[in-house]
Amino acid sequence: MKVLLAIDGSPHSHAALVEFSRQPWANGTEVEILTVIHPKIPLFMDPTLIGAAAHVEQVDGLRHQAPALVEAARENDPERTA
């Protein structure tokens, strides 16, 4: 069996991870953990470029956090992903 677990660090994905870890998965089950970078600040070009700078800063922060989020889920440590 193959399972795809998508997480984003939200309370809902934390609940999904907790529930996922409680399931009795068959031997040989392959699990792929996936997260995506989705900034909350939209990229709008404005004359002062303040919005663009905030967008780039947020994307960089999310890109830095994403590997740790996936690693915590892989280690089956729901507390680190909350």
PDB file of N, CA and C in Angstrom:
ATOM      1  N   MET A   1       0.850  -1.159   0.000  1.00  0.00           N
ATOM      2  CA  MET A   1       0.000   0.000   0.000  1.00  0.00           C
ATOM      3  C   MET A   1       0.902   1.230   0.000  1.00  0.00           C
ATOM      4  N   LYS A   2       0.455   2.275  -0.676  1.00  0.00           N
ATOM      5  CA  LYS A   2       1.156   3.545  -0.703  1.00  0.00           C
ATOM      6  C   LYS A   2       0.248   4.613  -0.117  1.00  0.00           C
ATOM      7  N   VAL A   3       0.818   5.449   0.761  1.00  0.00           N
ATOM      8  CA  VAL A   3       0.052   6.494   1.433  1.00  0.00           C
ATOM      9  C   VAL A   3       0.762   7.825   1.223  1.00  0.00           C
ATOM     10  N   LEU A   4       0.002   8.853   0.894  1.00  0.00           N
ATOM     11  CA  LEU A   4       0.526  10.197   0.772  1.00  0.00           C
ATOM     12  C   LEU A   4      -0.049  11.022   1.919  1.00  0.00           C
ATOM     13  N   LEU A   5       0.838  11.570   2.748  1.00  0.00           N
ATOM     14  CA  LEU A   5       0.426  12.402   3.875  1.00  0.00           C
ATOM     15  C   LEU A   5       0.878  13.821   3.590  1.00  0.00           C
ATOM     16  N   ALA A   6      -0.076  14.703   3.362  1.00  0.00           N
ATOM     17  CA  ALA A   6       0.220  16.102   3.068  1.00  0.00           C
ATOM     18  C   ALA A   6       0.051  16.913   4.346  1.00  0.00           C
ATOM     19  N   ILE A   7       1.082  17.695   4.686  1.00  0.00           N
ATOM     20  CA  ILE A   7       1.047  18.493   5.899  1.00  0.00           C
ATOM     21  C   ILE A   7       1.425  19.934   5.565  1.00  0.00           C
ATOM     22  N   ASP A   8       0.948  20.859   6.415  1.00  0.00           N
ATOM     23  CA  ASP A   8       1.300  22.266   6.205  1.00  0.00           C
ATOM     24  C   ASP A   8       1.575  22.997   7.512  1.00  0.00           C
ATOM     25  N   GLY A   9       1.630  22.264   8.617  1.00  0.00           N
ATOM     26  CA  GLY A   9       1.909  22.899   9.896  1.00  0.00           C
ATOM     27  C   GLY A   9       0.685  23.470  10.582  1.00  0.00           C
ATOM     28  N   SER A  10      -0.473  23.352   9.952  1.00  0.00           N
ATOM     29  CA  SER A  10      -1.702  23.886  10.538  1.00  0.00           C
ATOM     30  C   SER A  10      -2.254  22.920  11.592  1.00  0.00           C
ATOM     31  N   PRO A  11      -3.177  23.393  12.425  1.00  0.00           N
ATOM     32  CA  PRO A  11      -3.822  22.489  13.379  1.00  0.00           C
ATOM     33  C   PRO A  11      -4.513  21.307  12.700  1.00  0.00           C
ATOM     34  N   HIS A  12      -5.050  21.517  11.499  1.00  0.00           N
ATOM     35  CA  HIS A  12      -5.729  20.430  10.788  1.00  0.00           C
ATOM     36  C   HIS A  12      -4.736  19.370  10.328  1.00  0.00           C
ATOM     37  N   SER A  13      -3.575  19.795   9.837  1.00  0.00           N
ATOM     38  CA  SER A  13      -2.604  18.791   9.406  1.00  0.00           C
ATOM     39  C   SER A  13      -1.993  18.095  10.618  1.00  0.00           C
ATOM     40  N   HIS A  14      -1.886  18.796  11.740  1.00  0.00           N
ATOM     41  CA  HIS A  14      -1.422  18.163  12.977  1.00  0.00           C
ATOM     42  C   HIS A  14      -2.395  17.048  13.387  1.00  0.00           C
ATOM     43  N   ALA A  15      -3.699  17.340  13.328  1.00  0.00           N
ATOM     44  CA  ALA A  15      -4.703  16.331  13.665  1.00  0.00           C
ATOM     45  C   ALA A  15      -4.620  15.141  12.705  1.00  0.00           C
ATOM     46  N   ALA A  16      -4.377  15.414  11.429  1.00  0.00           N
ATOM     47  CA  ALA A  16      -4.234  14.329  10.454  1.00  0.00           C
ATOM     48  C   ALA A  16      -3.014  13.477  10.769  1.00  0.00           C
ATOM     49  N   LEU A  17      -1.917  14.109  11.165  1.00  0.00           N
ATOM     50  CA  LEU A  17      -0.708  13.370  11.517  1.00  0.00           C
ATOM     51  C   LEU A  17      -0.925  12.497  12.740  1.00  0.00           C
ATOM     52  N   VAL A  18      -1.601  13.042  13.739  1.00  0.00           N
ATOM     53  CA  VAL A  18      -1.904  12.264  14.949  1.00  0.00           C
ATOM     54  C   VAL A  18      -2.766  11.058  14.587  1.00  0.00           C
ATOM     55  N   GLU A  19      -3.806  11.280  13.806  1.00  0.00           N
ATOM     56  CA  GLU A  19      -4.681  10.179  13.397  1.00  0.00           C
ATOM     57  C   GLU A  19      -3.923   9.174  12.536  1.00  0.00           C
ATOM     58  N   PHE A  20      -3.084   9.665  11.642  1.00  0.00           N
ATOM     59  CA  PHE A  20      -2.275   8.790  10.801  1.00  0.00           C
ATOM     60  C   PHE A  20      -1.401   7.875  11.649  1.00  0.00           C
ATOM     61  N   SER A  21      -0.793   8.426  12.693  1.00  0.00           N
ATOM     62  CA  SER A  21       0.108   7.633  13.529  1.00  0.00           C
ATOM     63  C   SER A  21      -0.625   6.587  14.363  1.00  0.00           C
ATOM     64  N   ARG A  22      -1.916   6.749  14.527  1.00  0.00           N
ATOM     65  CA  ARG A  22      -2.710   5.783  15.309  1.00  0.00           C
ATOM     66  C   ARG A  22      -3.176   4.581  14.484  1.00  0.00           C
ATOM     67  N   GLN A  23      -3.075   4.673  13.181  1.00  0.00           N
ATOM     68  CA  GLN A  23      -3.594   3.625  12.309  1.00  0.00           C
ATOM     69  C   GLN A  23      -2.659   2.410  12.281  1.00  0.00           C
ATOM     70  N   PRO A  24      -3.226   1.217  12.214  1.00  0.00           N
ATOM     71  CA  PRO A  24      -2.411   0.001  12.105  1.00  0.00           C
ATOM     72  C   PRO A  24      -2.065  -0.279  10.638  1.00  0.00           C
ATOM     73  N   TRP A  25      -0.977   0.309  10.141  1.00  0.00           N
ATOM     74  CA  TRP A  25      -0.601   0.151   8.748  1.00  0.00           C
ATOM     75  C   TRP A  25       0.027  -1.215   8.514  1.00  0.00           C
ATOM     76  N   ALA A  26      -0.286  -1.823   7.387  1.00  0.00           N
ATOM     77  CA  ALA A  26       0.252  -3.142   7.029  1.00  0.00           C
ATOM     78  C   ALA A  26       1.757  -3.046   6.791  1.00  0.00           C
ATOM     79  N   ASN A  27       2.447  -4.136   7.061  1.00  0.00           N
ATOM     80  CA  ASN A  27       3.880  -4.199   6.767  1.00  0.00           C
ATOM     81  C   ASN A  27       4.103  -3.902   5.296  1.00  0.00           C
ATOM     82  N   GLY A  28       5.153  -3.169   5.020  1.00  0.00           N
ATOM     83  CA  GLY A  28       5.469  -2.830   3.647  1.00  0.00           C
ATOM     84  C   GLY A  28       4.770  -1.585   3.134  1.00  0.00           C
ATOM     85  N   THR A  29       3.958  -0.947   3.982  1.00  0.00           N
ATOM     86  CA  THR A  29       3.283   0.273   3.564  1.00  0.00           C
ATOM     87  C   THR A  29       4.325   1.362   3.326  1.00  0.00           C
ATOM     88  N   GLU A  30       4.241   2.010   2.175  1.00  0.00           N
ATOM     89  CA  GLU A  30       5.144   3.109   1.845  1.00  0.00           C
ATOM     90  C   GLU A  30       4.420   4.424   2.101  1.00  0.00           C
ATOM     91  N   VAL A  31       5.081   5.304   2.833  1.00  0.00           N
ATOM     92  CA  VAL A  31       4.488   6.592   3.174  1.00  0.00           C
ATOM     93  C   VAL A  31       5.342   7.702   2.578  1.00  0.00           C
ATOM     94  N   GLU A  32       4.711   8.586   1.844  1.00  0.00           N
ATOM     95  CA  GLU A  32       5.366   9.772   1.302  1.00  0.00           C
ATOM     96  C   GLU A  32       4.775  10.974   2.033  1.00  0.00           C
ATOM     97  N   ILE A  33       5.640  11.779   2.657  1.00  0.00           N
ATOM     98  CA  ILE A  33       5.194  12.971   3.371  1.00  0.00           C
ATOM     99  C   ILE A  33       5.519  14.178   2.512  1.00  0.00           C
ATOM    100  N   LEU A  34       4.529  15.028   2.336  1.00  0.00           N
ATOM    101  CA  LEU A  34       4.653  16.161   1.431  1.00  0.00           C
ATOM    102  C   LEU A  34       4.196  17.433   2.128  1.00  0.00           C
ATOM    103  N   THR A  35       4.921  18.508   1.897  1.00  0.00           N
ATOM    104  CA  THR A  35       4.458  19.825   2.312  1.00  0.00           C
ATOM    105  C   THR A  35       4.739  20.787   1.170  1.00  0.00           C
ATOM    106  N   VAL A  36       4.002  21.863   1.142  1.00  0.00           N
ATOM    107  CA  VAL A  36       4.194  22.880   0.106  1.00  0.00           C
ATOM    108  C   VAL A  36       4.388  24.232   0.776  1.00  0.00           C
ATOM    109  N   ILE A  37       5.028  25.112   0.077  1.00  0.00           N
ATOM    110  CA  ILE A  37       5.203  26.475   0.554  1.00  0.00           C
ATOM    111  C   ILE A  37       4.057  27.300  -0.012  1.00  0.00           C
ATOM    112  N   HIS A  38       3.277  27.896   0.874  1.00  0.00           N
ATOM    113  CA  HIS A  38       2.140  28.700   0.452  1.00  0.00           C
ATOM    114  C   HIS A  38       2.129  29.981   1.277  1.00  0.00           C
ATOM    115  N   PRO A  39       2.734  31.040   0.767  1.00  0.00           N
ATOM    116  CA  PRO A  39       2.782  32.279   1.545  1.00  0.00           C
ATOM    117  C   PRO A  39       1.403  32.911   1.705  1.00  0.00           C
ATOM    118  N   LYS A  40       1.211  33.556   2.841  1.00  0.00           N
ATOM    119  CA  LYS A  40      -0.057  34.241   3.100  1.00  0.00           C
ATOM    120  C   LYS A  40      -0.049  35.654   2.547  1.00  0.00           C
ATOM    121  N   ILE A  41       1.141  36.167   2.308  1.00  0.00           N
ATOM    122  CA  ILE A  41       1.253  37.511   1.736  1.00  0.00           C
ATOM    123  C   ILE A  41       1.307  37.367   0.219  1.00  0.00           C
ATOM    124  N   PRO A  42       0.311  37.883  -0.489  1.00  0.00           N
ATOM    125  CA  PRO A  42       0.326  37.754  -1.951  1.00  0.00           C
ATOM    126  C   PRO A  42       1.426  38.615  -2.574  1.00  0.00           C
ATOM    127  N   LEU A  43       1.857  38.198  -3.733  1.00  0.00           N
ATOM    128  CA  LEU A  43       2.881  38.955  -4.449  1.00  0.00           C
ATOM    129  C   LEU A  43       2.198  39.981  -5.333  1.00  0.00           C
ATOM    130  N   PHE A  44       2.206  41.223  -4.878  1.00  0.00           N
ATOM    131  CA  PHE A  44       1.692  42.339  -5.657  1.00  0.00           C
ATOM    132  C   PHE A  44       2.836  43.317  -5.867  1.00  0.00           C
ATOM    133  N   MET A  45       3.021  43.677  -7.073  1.00  0.00           N
ATOM    134  CA  MET A  45       4.049  44.669  -7.353  1.00  0.00           C
ATOM    135  C   MET A  45       3.479  46.050  -7.059  1.00  0.00           C
ATOM    136  N   ASP A  46       4.116  46.735  -6.132  1.00  0.00           N
ATOM    137  CA  ASP A  46       3.695  48.096  -5.833  1.00  0.00           C
ATOM    138  C   ASP A  46       4.892  49.025  -6.067  1.00  0.00           C
ATOM    139  N   PRO A  47       4.630  50.298  -6.203  1.00  0.00           N
ATOM    140  CA  PRO A  47       5.730  51.231  -6.512  1.00  0.00           C
ATOM    141  C   PRO A  47       6.855  51.218  -5.479  1.00  0.00           C
ATOM    142  N   THR A  48       6.542  50.927  -4.219  1.00  0.00           N
ATOM    143  CA  THR A  48       7.568  50.962  -3.182  1.00  0.00           C
ATOM    144  C   THR A  48       8.237  49.601  -2.981  1.00  0.00           C
ATOM    145  N   LEU A  49       7.706  48.562  -3.569  1.00  0.00           N
ATOM    146  CA  LEU A  49       8.215  47.184  -3.472  1.00  0.00           C
ATOM    147  C   LEU A  49       8.175  46.623  -2.043  1.00  0.00           C
ATOM    148  N   ILE A  50       7.449  47.276  -1.146  1.00  0.00           N
ATOM    149  CA  ILE A  50       7.344  46.782   0.226  1.00  0.00           C
ATOM    150  C   ILE A  50       6.615  45.443   0.252  1.00  0.00           C
ATOM    151  N   GLY A  51       5.515  45.343  -0.499  1.00  0.00           N
ATOM    152  CA  GLY A  51       4.763  44.079  -0.545  1.00  0.00           C
ATOM    153  C   GLY A  51       5.588  42.955  -1.132  1.00  0.00           C
ATOM    154  N   ALA A  52       6.345  43.238  -2.182  1.00  0.00           N
ATOM    155  CA  ALA A  52       7.184  42.215  -2.804  1.00  0.00           C
ATOM    156  C   ALA A  52       8.264  41.760  -1.844  1.00  0.00           C
ATOM    157  N   ALA A  53       8.855  42.685  -1.105  1.00  0.00           N
ATOM    158  CA  ALA A  53       9.898  42.330  -0.146  1.00  0.00           C
ATOM    159  C   ALA A  53       9.325  41.453   0.967  1.00  0.00           C
ATOM    160  N   ALA A  54       8.131  41.781   1.446  1.00  0.00           N
ATOM    161  CA  ALA A  54       7.490  40.971   2.494  1.00  0.00           C
ATOM    162  C   ALA A  54       7.182  39.579   1.970  1.00  0.00           C
ATOM    163  N   HIS A  55       6.729  39.486   0.723  1.00  0.00           N
ATOM    164  CA  HIS A  55       6.430  38.192   0.112  1.00  0.00           C
ATOM    165  C   HIS A  55       7.689  37.334   0.022  1.00  0.00           C
ATOM    166  N   VAL A  56       8.765  37.905  -0.472  1.00  0.00           N
ATOM    167  CA  VAL A  56      10.028  37.173  -0.617  1.00  0.00           C
ATOM    168  C   VAL A  56      10.540  36.726   0.743  1.00  0.00           C
ATOM    169  N   GLU A  57      10.452  37.586   1.740  1.00  0.00           N
ATOM    170  CA  GLU A  57      10.898  37.235   3.092  1.00  0.00           C
ATOM    171  C   GLU A  57      10.085  36.078   3.650  1.00  0.00           C
ATOM    172  N   GLN A  58       8.763  36.114   3.437  1.00  0.00           N
ATOM    173  CA  GLN A  58       7.919  35.035   3.949  1.00  0.00           C
ATOM    174  C   GLN A  58       8.209  33.722   3.224  1.00  0.00           C
ATOM    175  N   VAL A  59       8.380  33.752   1.923  1.00  0.00           N
ATOM    176  CA  VAL A  59       8.690  32.538   1.161  1.00  0.00           C
ATOM    177  C   VAL A  59      10.018  31.948   1.636  1.00  0.00           C
ATOM    178  N   ASP A  60      11.009  32.791   1.856  1.00  0.00           N
ATOM    179  CA  ASP A  60      12.295  32.293   2.349  1.00  0.00           C
ATOM    180  C   ASP A  60      12.144  31.624   3.710  1.00  0.00           C
ATOM    181  N   GLY A  61      11.358  32.222   4.594  1.00  0.00           N
ATOM    182  CA  GLY A  61      11.123  31.629   5.908  1.00  0.00           C
ATOM    183  C   GLY A  61      10.416  30.294   5.808  1.00  0.00           C
ATOM    184  N   LEU A  62       9.395  30.221   4.976  1.00  0.00           N
ATOM    185  CA  LEU A  62       8.659  28.971   4.792  1.00  0.00           C
ATOM    186  C   LEU A  62       9.542  27.898   4.168  1.00  0.00           C
ATOM    187  N   ARG A  63      10.371  28.296   3.215  1.00  0.00           N
ATOM    188  CA  ARG A  63      11.277  27.352   2.569  1.00  0.00           C
ATOM    189  C   ARG A  63      12.269  26.789   3.592  1.00  0.00           C
ATOM    190  N   HIS A  64      12.671  27.599   4.531  1.00  0.00           N
ATOM    191  CA  HIS A  64      13.587  27.156   5.580  1.00  0.00           C
ATOM    192  C   HIS A  64      12.896  26.206   6.565  1.00  0.00           C
ATOM    193  N   GLN A  65      11.623  26.445   6.859  1.00  0.00           N
ATOM    194  CA  GLN A  65      10.873  25.640   7.824  1.00  0.00           C
ATOM    195  C   GLN A  65      10.377  24.308   7.257  1.00  0.00           C
ATOM    196  N   ALA A  66      10.168  24.225   5.963  1.00  0.00           N
ATOM    197  CA  ALA A  66       9.544  23.047   5.346  1.00  0.00           C
ATOM    198  C   ALA A  66      10.297  21.746   5.628  1.00  0.00           C
ATOM    199  N   PRO A  67      11.619  21.676   5.490  1.00  0.00           N
ATOM    200  CA  PRO A  67      12.305  20.405   5.768  1.00  0.00           C
ATOM    201  C   PRO A  67      12.128  19.933   7.210  1.00  0.00           C
ATOM    202  N   ALA A  68      12.144  20.848   8.165  1.00  0.00           N
ATOM    203  CA  ALA A  68      11.958  20.464   9.564  1.00  0.00           C
ATOM    204  C   ALA A  68      10.550  19.935   9.807  1.00  0.00           C
ATOM    205  N   LEU A  69       9.571  20.524   9.144  1.00  0.00           N
ATOM    206  CA  LEU A  69       8.187  20.074   9.274  1.00  0.00           C
ATOM    207  C   LEU A  69       8.039  18.645   8.767  1.00  0.00           C
ATOM    208  N   VAL A  70       8.611  18.360   7.605  1.00  0.00           N
ATOM    209  CA  VAL A  70       8.539  17.007   7.042  1.00  0.00           C
ATOM    210  C   VAL A  70       9.331  16.029   7.899  1.00  0.00           C
ATOM    211  N   GLU A  71      10.497  16.438   8.380  1.00  0.00           N
ATOM    212  CA  GLU A  71      11.322  15.552   9.210  1.00  0.00           C
ATOM    213  C   GLU A  71      10.603  15.196  10.512  1.00  0.00           C
ATOM    214  N   ALA A  72       9.947  16.168  11.133  1.00  0.00           N
ATOM    215  CA  ALA A  72       9.198  15.897  12.357  1.00  0.00           C
ATOM    216  C   ALA A  72       8.074  14.893  12.094  1.00  0.00           C
ATOM    217  N   ALA A  73       7.394  15.037  10.973  1.00  0.00           N
ATOM    218  CA  ALA A  73       6.328  14.088  10.631  1.00  0.00           C
ATOM    219  C   ALA A  73       6.913  12.712  10.356  1.00  0.00           C
ATOM    220  N   ARG A  74       8.064  12.676   9.675  1.00  0.00           N
ATOM    221  CA  ARG A  74       8.707  11.400   9.371  1.00  0.00           C
ATOM    222  C   ARG A  74       9.110  10.685  10.653  1.00  0.00           C
ATOM    223  N   GLU A  75       9.566  11.445  11.620  1.00  0.00           N
ATOM    224  CA  GLU A  75       9.961  10.860  12.900  1.00  0.00           C
ATOM    225  C   GLU A  75       8.759  10.536  13.773  1.00  0.00           C
ATOM    226  N   ASN A  76       7.560  10.820  13.241  1.00  0.00           N
ATOM    227  CA  ASN A  76       6.317  10.533  13.946  1.00  0.00           C
ATOM    228  C   ASN A  76       6.270  11.251  15.279  1.00  0.00           C
ATOM    229  N   ASP A  77       6.580  12.537  15.261  1.00  0.00           N
ATOM    230  CA  ASP A  77       6.579  13.375  16.451  1.00  0.00           C
ATOM    231  C   ASP A  77       5.573  14.512  16.244  1.00  0.00           C
ATOM    232  N   PRO A  78       4.276  14.233  16.450  1.00  0.00           N
ATOM    233  CA  PRO A  78       3.258  15.244  16.199  1.00  0.00           C
ATOM    234  C   PRO A  78       3.460  16.523  16.989  1.00  0.00           C
ATOM    235  N   GLU A  79       4.109  16.473  18.143  1.00  0.00           N
ATOM    236  CA  GLU A  79       4.296  17.665  18.949  1.00  0.00           C
ATOM    237  C   GLU A  79       5.181  18.690  18.255  1.00  0.00           C
ATOM    238  N   ARG A  80       6.184  18.235  17.471  1.00  0.00           N
ATOM    239  CA  ARG A  80       7.069  19.167  16.769  1.00  0.00           C
ATOM    240  C   ARG A  80       6.387  19.814  15.590  1.00  0.00           C
ATOM    241  N   THR A  81       5.315  19.246  15.092  1.00  0.00           N
ATOM    242  CA  THR A  81       4.656  19.782  13.887  1.00  0.00           C
ATOM    243  C   THR A  81       3.503  20.719  14.238  1.00  0.00           C
ATOM    244  N   ALA A  82       3.190  20.852  15.518  1.00  0.00           N
ATOM    245  CA  ALA A  82       2.057  21.708  15.912  1.00  0.00           C
ATOM    246  C   ALA A  82       2.443  23.161  15.860  1.00  0.00           C
TER     247      ALA A  82
END
